N, C-alpha and C. Protein backbone atom coordinates (compact mmCIF):
# COMPACT_ATOMS: atom_id res chain seq x y z
N MET A 1 1.71 -1.47 0.00
CA MET A 1 0.09 -0.14 -0.22
C MET A 1 0.81 1.61 0.03
N SER A 2 0.59 2.30 -0.43
CA SER A 2 1.23 3.73 -0.92
C SER A 2 1.22 4.61 0.05
N ASP A 3 1.48 5.38 0.64
CA ASP A 3 1.74 6.09 1.78
C ASP A 3 0.44 6.91 1.84
N GLU A 4 0.03 7.40 0.22
CA GLU A 4 -1.41 8.17 0.34
C GLU A 4 -2.92 7.37 0.39
N ARG A 5 -3.27 7.25 1.12
CA ARG A 5 -4.35 6.32 1.52
C ARG A 5 -6.01 6.84 1.07
N SER A 6 -6.26 6.36 0.75
CA SER A 6 -7.66 5.71 -0.81
C SER A 6 -8.80 7.18 0.17
N ASP A 7 -9.95 8.18 -0.13
CA ASP A 7 -10.09 8.49 0.41
C ASP A 7 -11.01 7.85 0.82
N GLN A 8 -11.50 7.10 1.02
CA GLN A 8 -12.74 5.64 2.49
C GLN A 8 -12.10 5.34 2.88
N ASP A 9 -10.89 5.22 3.41
CA ASP A 9 -10.01 5.16 4.90
C ASP A 9 -9.68 6.18 5.37
N ARG A 10 -9.75 7.29 4.92
CA ARG A 10 -9.16 8.73 5.70
C ARG A 10 -10.61 8.88 6.28
N VAL A 11 -11.51 8.28 5.39
CA VAL A 11 -13.02 8.99 5.88
C VAL A 11 -13.15 7.35 7.12
N GLU A 12 -13.14 6.49 6.78
CA GLU A 12 -13.34 5.46 7.89
C GLU A 12 -12.27 5.77 9.25
N SER A 13 -11.37 5.86 8.87
CA SER A 13 -10.46 6.54 9.82
C SER A 13 -10.91 7.53 10.20
N ARG A 14 -11.27 8.97 10.00
CA ARG A 14 -11.83 9.86 11.21
C ARG A 14 -13.40 10.04 10.97
N ALA A 15 -13.95 8.47 10.95
CA ALA A 15 -15.31 8.65 11.55
C ALA A 15 -15.33 8.19 12.47
N HIS A 16 -14.49 7.73 13.40
CA HIS A 16 -14.48 8.08 14.89
C HIS A 16 -14.57 8.81 15.69
N LEU A 17 -15.84 9.08 16.15
CA LEU A 17 -15.73 10.50 17.44
C LEU A 17 -14.15 10.56 17.96
N LEU A 18 -14.41 12.03 17.87
CA LEU A 18 -13.62 12.23 18.96
C LEU A 18 -13.82 12.61 20.17
N PRO A 19 -13.76 12.41 21.90
CA PRO A 19 -14.38 12.73 22.81
C PRO A 19 -14.90 13.79 22.92
N GLU A 20 -14.73 15.22 22.40
CA GLU A 20 -15.67 16.17 22.46
C GLU A 20 -16.77 16.18 21.67
N GLU A 21 -16.53 15.33 20.39
CA GLU A 21 -17.58 14.91 19.31
C GLU A 21 -18.52 14.33 20.20
N ALA A 22 -18.50 13.12 20.52
CA ALA A 22 -19.13 12.29 20.93
C ALA A 22 -20.53 12.76 22.50
N VAL A 23 -19.51 13.33 23.05
CA VAL A 23 -20.58 14.67 24.09
C VAL A 23 -21.63 15.28 23.16
N VAL A 24 -21.74 15.27 22.30
CA VAL A 24 -23.08 15.72 21.44
C VAL A 24 -23.28 14.66 20.04
N GLY A 25 -22.70 13.91 19.92
CA GLY A 25 -22.99 13.01 18.72
C GLY A 25 -23.36 13.54 17.89
N SER A 26 -23.36 12.29 16.57
CA SER A 26 -23.82 12.99 15.77
C SER A 26 -24.85 11.97 14.58
N GLU A 27 -25.12 12.19 14.00
CA GLU A 27 -26.39 11.04 13.49
C GLU A 27 -25.55 10.27 12.36
N ASP A 28 -24.78 11.05 11.59
CA ASP A 28 -24.39 10.69 10.75
C ASP A 28 -22.47 10.85 10.90
N PRO A 29 -22.01 9.88 11.69
CA PRO A 29 -20.06 10.66 11.22
C PRO A 29 -19.38 10.04 10.03
N GLN A 30 -20.05 8.88 9.06
CA GLN A 30 -18.95 9.26 8.27
C GLN A 30 -19.20 10.09 7.12
N ALA A 31 -20.41 11.54 7.18
CA ALA A 31 -20.62 12.58 5.74
C ALA A 31 -20.49 13.02 6.59
N GLN A 32 -19.44 13.09 8.21
CA GLN A 32 -19.42 14.43 8.80
C GLN A 32 -17.97 14.55 8.82
N ALA A 33 -17.25 13.44 9.08
CA ALA A 33 -15.97 13.09 8.61
C ALA A 33 -15.43 13.08 6.99
N ASP A 34 -16.38 13.25 6.30
CA ASP A 34 -15.89 13.24 4.89
C ASP A 34 -15.75 14.82 4.94
N ALA A 35 -17.01 15.43 5.30
CA ALA A 35 -17.27 17.23 5.09
C ALA A 35 -15.89 17.53 6.41
N ILE A 36 -15.89 17.18 6.97
CA ILE A 36 -13.99 17.76 7.87
C ILE A 36 -13.09 17.39 6.72
N LEU A 37 -12.92 16.23 6.30
CA LEU A 37 -11.46 16.12 5.69
C LEU A 37 -11.25 17.29 4.33
N THR A 38 -12.04 16.81 4.04
CA THR A 38 -12.78 17.91 2.07
C THR A 38 -12.60 19.08 2.50
N ASP A 39 -13.29 19.80 3.89
CA ASP A 39 -12.91 20.88 4.16
C ASP A 39 -10.87 21.40 4.63
N SER A 40 -10.53 20.16 5.57
CA SER A 40 -9.52 20.16 5.83
C SER A 40 -8.64 20.34 4.20
N ASP A 41 -8.88 19.41 3.35
CA ASP A 41 -8.10 19.44 1.39
C ASP A 41 -8.19 20.78 1.03
N VAL A 42 -9.33 21.33 1.20
CA VAL A 42 -9.37 23.05 0.66
C VAL A 42 -8.35 23.66 1.26
N ARG A 43 -8.83 23.65 2.54
CA ARG A 43 -7.84 24.46 3.34
C ARG A 43 -6.44 24.59 2.91
N GLU A 44 -5.89 23.41 3.16
CA GLU A 44 -4.45 23.05 3.10
C GLU A 44 -3.45 23.25 1.59
N ASP A 45 -4.78 22.94 0.33
CA ASP A 45 -4.33 23.83 -1.06
C ASP A 45 -4.43 25.04 -0.80
N ARG A 46 -5.61 25.91 -0.62
CA ARG A 46 -5.38 27.09 -0.68
C ARG A 46 -4.20 28.38 -0.29
N TYR A 47 -3.69 27.87 0.76
CA TYR A 47 -2.37 28.78 1.19
C TYR A 47 -1.05 27.75 0.59
N THR A 48 -1.47 26.68 0.04
CA THR A 48 0.31 26.88 -1.02
C THR A 48 0.52 27.22 -2.22
N ALA A 49 1.55 28.03 -1.62
CA ALA A 49 1.93 28.31 -3.36
C ALA A 49 2.31 27.78 -4.50
N PRO A 50 1.95 27.84 -5.81
CA PRO A 50 2.28 26.97 -6.65
C PRO A 50 2.99 26.06 -7.02
N ASP A 51 4.50 26.75 -6.42
CA ASP A 51 5.37 25.90 -6.49
C ASP A 51 6.42 25.65 -5.06
N THR A 52 5.35 25.41 -4.44
CA THR A 52 5.43 24.73 -3.19
C THR A 52 5.14 23.10 -2.74
N LEU A 53 6.33 22.16 -2.56
CA LEU A 53 5.97 20.86 -2.33
C LEU A 53 5.28 20.51 -0.61
N LEU A 54 4.52 19.36 -1.00
CA LEU A 54 3.63 19.82 0.45
C LEU A 54 4.50 18.42 0.92
N GLU A 55 5.08 18.37 1.98
CA GLU A 55 5.14 16.62 2.19
C GLU A 55 4.49 15.96 3.35
N ARG A 56 4.65 15.04 3.08
CA ARG A 56 3.31 13.89 4.26
C ARG A 56 4.15 13.35 5.16
N ARG A 57 4.66 13.85 6.97
CA ARG A 57 4.64 12.83 7.35
C ARG A 57 4.59 13.17 8.76
N THR A 58 4.11 11.78 9.58
CA THR A 58 3.99 11.85 10.54
C THR A 58 4.75 12.62 12.01
N SER A 59 4.11 12.77 12.55
CA SER A 59 5.32 13.78 13.74
C SER A 59 6.75 12.77 14.48
N ASP A 60 6.98 11.32 14.20
CA ASP A 60 7.25 10.44 14.32
C ASP A 60 8.29 10.44 13.37
N GLN A 61 8.04 10.84 12.24
CA GLN A 61 9.07 11.27 11.51
C GLN A 61 9.86 12.87 10.98
N THR A 62 8.97 13.74 12.05
CA THR A 62 10.09 15.36 11.89
C THR A 62 10.81 14.68 12.78
N VAL A 63 10.47 14.88 14.05
CA VAL A 63 11.62 15.03 15.11
C VAL A 63 12.27 13.92 15.48
N THR A 64 13.85 14.03 16.38
CA THR A 64 14.34 13.07 17.27
C THR A 64 13.20 13.44 18.79
N PRO A 65 13.19 11.74 19.04
CA PRO A 65 12.75 11.84 20.77
C PRO A 65 14.28 12.49 21.29
N SER A 66 14.22 13.25 22.09
CA SER A 66 15.48 13.63 23.17
C SER A 66 14.74 12.76 24.57
N GLU A 67 13.57 12.18 25.16
CA GLU A 67 13.75 11.25 25.76
C GLU A 67 12.34 10.25 25.50
N PRO A 68 13.26 8.86 26.41
CA PRO A 68 11.75 7.65 25.67
C PRO A 68 11.16 7.93 26.48
N PRO A 69 9.50 7.42 25.45
CA PRO A 69 8.74 7.34 25.67
C PRO A 69 8.19 7.30 26.91
N ASP A 70 7.77 7.31 27.38
CA ASP A 70 6.74 7.22 29.08
C ASP A 70 6.24 5.21 28.71
């Protein structure tokens, strides 16, 4: 599998409600996740200069831990 996940995988991953979302509930977590990810993608692309290369990394790929995790 490539580093890029399919849109469906992203939606399924995001459809699990965060604690603050679970408090108020959601009638359709899948639709909510799709809307959140679509909005995020639009905002991410809007603030990018045309010649900018976006790197997609996780936090463990961007920093060197100074202490062992708890």
